[in-house]
């Protein structure tokens, strides 16, 4: 399906046009940027001999980084056909097509046998499905005994005002963020052991800088160019902008309430 067709239709579900916007924009992001990705990789003990599943791979930034910088084999999985297309384009540009492959698939029903991967990772993924426990249990199922499941997820570090929770969910594809104990519990309920949680606070400036560092300048500028073009061409994008154009006052103190967490457990 082409970008124009996907984004020219009126889409009723906010999560649908939020993700299609990101795919068409060519930019997916997560809290902490490349620094957080490196922390996640280290915590999951990933090296050149690892076989890694990157769930919710988006446009393939982390999967291609792993293949290029660590030399390991990676499978990137995403529910969006457009995301997978963008990922394959990135792998070709980065010359890592021999080490990374991308598949369409659902995190709630992973298309893999039990015990396949040395590490299963995700970045800002588990916040979106309704049945978070089912997702994390699937991660554990496809991980080898002794392997690791690792997540980087937006985390409430202080109880937020209800209107801020509602606004963030509405603007970010119906995402539901948890506190550190909530994320840890998902890993433990999936049967993982030695669960470690490291929570980090950040700021708007640090988050923006981390995103810029993670992307090639050409990709970053190209993404913004596509975004502004879509603002004019796409009713769905204008609908999303309308959803987020009237934030509560507490949004200007958002980094007082949330940061991100690296959560890792071993099978």
Protein backbone atom coordinates (compact mmCIF):
# COMPACT_ATOMS: atom_id res chain seq x y z
CA UNK A 1 0.00 0.00 0.00
CA UNK A 2 1.31 3.43 -0.87
CA UNK A 3 1.90 6.24 1.56
CA UNK A 4 -0.51 8.59 -0.14
CA UNK A 5 -3.36 6.10 0.01
CA UNK A 6 -2.73 5.19 3.63
CA UNK A 7 -2.71 8.77 4.84
CA UNK A 8 -5.30 10.31 2.60
CA UNK A 9 -8.12 8.26 4.10
CA UNK A 10 -9.95 9.31 7.23
CA UNK A 11 -8.81 6.91 9.97
CA UNK A 12 -11.00 6.68 13.05
CA UNK A 13 -8.55 5.06 15.43
CA UNK A 14 -5.88 7.48 16.75
CA UNK A 15 -3.30 4.72 17.08
CA UNK A 16 -3.68 3.83 13.40
CA UNK A 17 -2.88 7.22 11.97
CA UNK A 18 -0.23 7.84 14.63
CA UNK A 19 1.79 4.82 13.48
CA UNK A 20 1.11 5.34 9.78
CA UNK A 21 2.32 8.93 10.18
CA UNK A 22 5.58 7.73 11.68
CA UNK A 23 6.07 5.16 8.93
CA UNK A 24 5.37 7.66 6.17
CA UNK A 25 7.47 10.27 7.93
CA UNK A 26 10.36 7.79 7.99
CA UNK A 27 11.21 8.47 11.62
CA UNK A 28 10.51 6.42 14.73
CA UNK A 29 11.94 7.36 18.10
CA UNK A 30 12.14 6.32 21.71
CA UNK A 31 13.13 7.96 24.96
CA UNK A 32 16.86 8.24 25.54
CA UNK A 33 17.82 7.80 21.89
CA UNK A 34 21.08 6.05 21.05
CA UNK A 35 22.38 6.30 24.61
CA UNK A 36 19.39 4.30 25.84
CA UNK A 37 19.80 1.78 23.02
CA UNK A 38 23.40 1.16 24.05
CA UNK A 39 22.34 0.67 27.67
CA UNK A 40 19.74 -1.86 26.56
CA UNK A 41 22.23 -3.75 24.40
CA UNK A 42 24.74 -3.92 27.24
CA UNK A 43 22.15 -5.07 29.77
CA UNK A 44 21.08 -7.88 27.42
CA UNK A 45 24.71 -9.00 26.91
CA UNK A 46 24.45 -8.76 23.13
CA UNK A 47 27.63 -9.40 21.15
CA UNK A 48 28.68 -10.55 17.68
CA UNK A 49 27.51 -14.12 18.35
CA UNK A 50 24.02 -13.13 19.46
CA UNK A 51 20.83 -13.78 17.51
CA UNK A 52 18.52 -10.88 18.32
CA UNK A 53 14.84 -10.14 17.80
CA UNK A 54 13.92 -6.44 17.72
CA UNK A 55 10.15 -6.26 18.24
CA UNK A 56 8.41 -3.15 16.97
CA UNK A 57 11.49 -2.30 14.94
CA UNK A 58 9.90 0.77 13.35
CA UNK A 59 12.03 2.03 10.46
CA UNK A 60 14.90 -0.28 11.42
CA UNK A 61 17.25 2.14 13.18
CA UNK A 62 18.21 -0.13 16.09
CA UNK A 63 18.22 -3.36 14.07
CA UNK A 64 20.62 -1.89 11.51
CA UNK A 65 22.75 -0.36 14.27
CA UNK A 66 23.10 -3.76 15.94
CA UNK A 67 24.05 -5.45 12.68
CA UNK A 68 26.57 -2.79 11.69
CA UNK A 69 28.19 -1.97 15.04
CA UNK A 70 28.03 -5.37 16.78
CA UNK A 71 28.06 -7.71 13.79
CA UNK A 72 25.26 -9.89 15.14
CA UNK A 73 22.33 -11.43 13.31
CA UNK A 74 19.07 -9.53 13.80
CA UNK A 75 15.42 -10.02 12.95
CA UNK A 76 13.29 -6.88 13.01
CA UNK A 77 9.54 -7.35 13.41
CA UNK A 78 6.80 -4.76 12.99
CA UNK A 79 3.05 -4.81 12.54
CA UNK A 80 3.19 -2.12 9.85
CA UNK A 81 3.92 -3.06 6.25
CA UNK A 82 5.22 0.46 5.65
CA UNK A 83 7.61 0.26 8.63
CA UNK A 84 9.05 -3.00 7.29
CA UNK A 85 9.48 -1.42 3.87
CA UNK A 86 11.36 1.53 5.39
CA UNK A 87 13.51 -0.88 7.42
CA UNK A 88 14.55 -2.84 4.35
CA UNK A 89 15.48 0.41 2.59
CA UNK A 90 17.63 1.39 5.57
CA UNK A 91 19.38 -2.00 5.67
CA UNK A 92 20.29 -1.61 2.02
CA UNK A 93 21.67 1.91 2.59
CA UNK A 94 23.70 0.69 5.58
CA UNK A 95 25.01 -2.39 3.72
CA UNK A 96 23.79 -4.83 6.38
CA UNK A 97 21.32 -6.82 4.31
CA UNK A 98 23.33 -9.99 4.99
CA UNK A 99 22.93 -9.66 8.76
CA UNK A 100 19.42 -8.29 9.27
CA UNK A 101 16.00 -9.33 7.99
CA UNK A 102 12.62 -7.74 8.55
CA UNK A 103 9.22 -9.36 8.90
CA UNK A 104 5.64 -8.25 9.37
CA UNK A 105 4.25 -9.65 12.60
CA UNK A 106 2.31 -9.05 15.79
CA UNK A 107 4.08 -8.75 19.16
CA UNK A 108 1.08 -10.50 20.75
CA UNK A 109 1.53 -13.59 18.56
CA UNK A 110 5.17 -13.81 17.50
CA UNK A 111 5.69 -15.93 14.35
CA UNK A 112 8.62 -17.91 15.80
CA UNK A 113 9.13 -21.23 17.56
CA UNK A 114 10.00 -21.45 21.25
CA UNK A 115 13.55 -20.69 22.36
CA UNK A 116 14.97 -19.18 19.15
CA UNK A 117 16.71 -15.94 20.18
CA UNK A 118 19.58 -15.06 22.50
CA UNK A 119 17.94 -11.71 23.19
CA UNK A 120 14.56 -10.14 22.52
CA UNK A 121 14.46 -6.35 22.78
CA UNK A 122 11.96 -3.58 22.24
CA UNK A 123 11.94 0.19 22.53
CA UNK A 124 8.67 2.00 23.28
CA UNK A 125 6.54 -0.94 22.17
CA UNK A 126 4.84 -2.58 25.18
CA UNK A 127 3.17 0.73 26.05
CA UNK A 128 0.77 0.28 23.12
CA UNK A 129 -0.90 -3.18 23.27
CA UNK A 130 -3.83 -3.58 25.65
CA UNK A 131 -2.66 -6.99 26.88
CA UNK A 132 0.88 -6.13 27.91
CA UNK A 133 1.40 -9.37 29.80
CA UNK A 134 0.63 -11.43 26.71
CA UNK A 135 3.26 -9.48 24.77
CA UNK A 136 6.02 -9.90 27.36
CA UNK A 137 5.16 -13.58 27.79
CA UNK A 138 5.59 -13.98 24.03
CA UNK A 139 9.02 -12.36 24.30
CA UNK A 140 9.97 -14.88 26.96
CA UNK A 141 8.60 -17.80 24.94
CA UNK A 142 10.83 -17.18 21.91
CA UNK A 143 13.95 -16.51 24.01
CA UNK A 144 16.48 -19.31 24.56
CA UNK A 145 17.05 -20.58 28.10
CA UNK A 146 19.71 -18.31 29.56
CA UNK A 147 18.83 -15.54 27.10
CA UNK A 148 17.55 -12.06 27.90
CA UNK A 149 14.41 -10.02 27.38
CA UNK A 150 14.99 -6.27 27.48
CA UNK A 151 12.67 -3.29 27.19
CA UNK A 152 13.12 0.45 27.03
CA UNK A 153 9.79 1.99 27.98
CA UNK A 154 8.53 5.43 28.94
CA UNK A 155 8.09 5.39 32.70
CA UNK A 156 6.15 7.55 35.11
CA UNK A 157 8.70 8.61 37.72
CA UNK A 158 6.10 10.66 39.61
CA UNK A 159 2.31 10.27 39.70
CA UNK A 160 1.02 12.49 36.86
CA UNK A 161 -2.16 14.57 36.75
CA UNK A 162 -5.05 12.62 35.15
CA UNK A 163 -5.42 15.16 32.33
CA UNK A 164 -1.77 14.64 31.37
CA UNK A 165 -2.22 10.86 31.24
CA UNK A 166 -5.27 11.29 29.00
CA UNK A 167 -3.53 13.76 26.70
CA UNK A 168 -0.42 11.60 26.29
CA UNK A 169 -2.54 8.56 25.48
CA UNK A 170 -4.61 10.48 22.94
CA UNK A 171 -1.60 12.03 21.25
CA UNK A 172 0.63 8.95 21.25
CA UNK A 173 -1.51 6.22 19.75
CA UNK A 174 -3.38 5.24 22.93
CA UNK A 175 -0.14 4.45 24.76
CA UNK A 176 -0.34 3.45 28.42
CA UNK A 177 2.79 4.12 30.47
CA UNK A 178 3.53 2.35 33.76
CA UNK A 179 5.66 3.11 36.79
CA UNK A 180 8.87 1.09 37.38
CA UNK A 181 7.13 -1.59 39.45
CA UNK A 182 4.50 -2.06 36.76
CA UNK A 183 7.09 -2.73 34.05
CA UNK A 184 9.12 -5.04 36.33
CA UNK A 185 6.04 -7.05 37.23
CA UNK A 186 5.41 -7.87 33.56
CA UNK A 187 8.84 -9.47 33.23
CA UNK A 188 8.55 -11.39 36.48
CA UNK A 189 5.05 -12.66 35.63
CA UNK A 190 6.50 -13.95 32.34
CA UNK A 191 8.80 -16.20 34.39
CA UNK A 192 12.00 -14.20 33.90
CA UNK A 193 14.52 -14.03 36.71
CA UNK A 194 17.01 -11.51 38.04
CA UNK A 195 14.89 -8.66 36.72
CA UNK A 196 16.80 -5.37 36.71
CA UNK A 197 15.20 -1.93 36.38
CA UNK A 198 17.19 1.23 35.74
CA UNK A 199 15.15 4.42 35.50
CA UNK A 200 16.44 7.64 33.98
CA UNK A 201 15.09 11.17 33.99
CA UNK A 202 15.66 13.43 31.01
CA UNK A 203 14.64 16.82 29.59
CA UNK A 204 13.19 18.15 26.37
CA UNK A 205 16.60 19.38 25.22
CA UNK A 206 18.38 16.11 26.03
CA UNK A 207 15.68 14.08 24.33
CA UNK A 208 15.86 16.21 21.18
CA UNK A 209 19.65 15.98 21.12
CA UNK A 210 19.53 12.18 21.54
CA UNK A 211 17.19 11.86 18.56
CA UNK A 212 19.44 14.00 16.36
CA UNK A 213 22.51 11.94 17.29
CA UNK A 214 20.75 8.68 16.49
CA UNK A 215 19.87 9.61 12.92
CA UNK A 216 21.91 10.58 9.92
CA UNK A 217 21.44 14.32 9.19
CA UNK A 218 20.00 13.43 5.78
CA UNK A 219 17.40 11.15 7.36
CA UNK A 220 16.48 13.66 10.03
CA UNK A 221 16.03 16.58 7.62
CA UNK A 222 14.21 14.34 5.18
CA UNK A 223 11.77 13.23 7.88
CA UNK A 224 10.86 16.80 8.78
CA UNK A 225 10.44 17.68 5.12
CA UNK A 226 8.01 14.76 4.69
CA UNK A 227 6.14 15.76 7.83
CA UNK A 228 5.50 19.33 6.68
CA UNK A 229 4.44 18.03 3.29
CA UNK A 230 1.98 15.62 4.91
CA UNK A 231 0.53 18.46 7.00
CA UNK A 232 -0.73 19.99 3.77
CA UNK A 233 -1.66 16.84 1.88
CA UNK A 234 -3.12 14.46 4.43
CA UNK A 235 -6.47 14.80 6.26
CA UNK A 236 -5.36 12.05 8.68
CA UNK A 237 -2.24 13.97 9.68
CA UNK A 238 -4.25 17.17 10.20
CA UNK A 239 -6.65 15.17 12.34
CA UNK A 240 -3.78 13.93 14.50
CA UNK A 241 -2.40 17.47 14.84
CA UNK A 242 -5.83 18.62 15.99
CA UNK A 243 -5.81 15.88 18.63
CA UNK A 244 -2.60 17.24 20.17
CA UNK A 245 -3.02 20.97 19.54
CA UNK A 246 -4.71 21.80 22.86
CA UNK A 247 -2.49 20.32 25.59
CA UNK A 248 -3.19 20.67 29.31
CA UNK A 249 -1.00 23.11 31.20
CA UNK A 250 0.79 20.23 32.91
CA UNK A 251 2.33 19.15 29.58
CA UNK A 252 4.86 21.94 29.97
CA UNK A 253 6.15 20.16 33.08
CA UNK A 254 6.00 16.72 31.50
CA UNK A 255 9.61 15.78 32.21
CA UNK A 256 8.89 16.28 35.91
CA UNK A 257 6.61 13.26 35.67
CA UNK A 258 8.20 10.87 33.24
CA UNK A 259 11.48 9.53 31.97
CA UNK A 260 12.41 6.12 30.64
CA UNK A 261 13.41 2.78 32.08
CA UNK A 262 15.63 -0.09 30.96
CA UNK A 263 14.04 -3.33 32.17
CA UNK A 264 15.80 -6.67 31.65
CA UNK A 265 15.13 -10.21 32.78
CA UNK A 266 16.77 -13.57 32.08
CA UNK A 267 15.01 -16.77 31.02
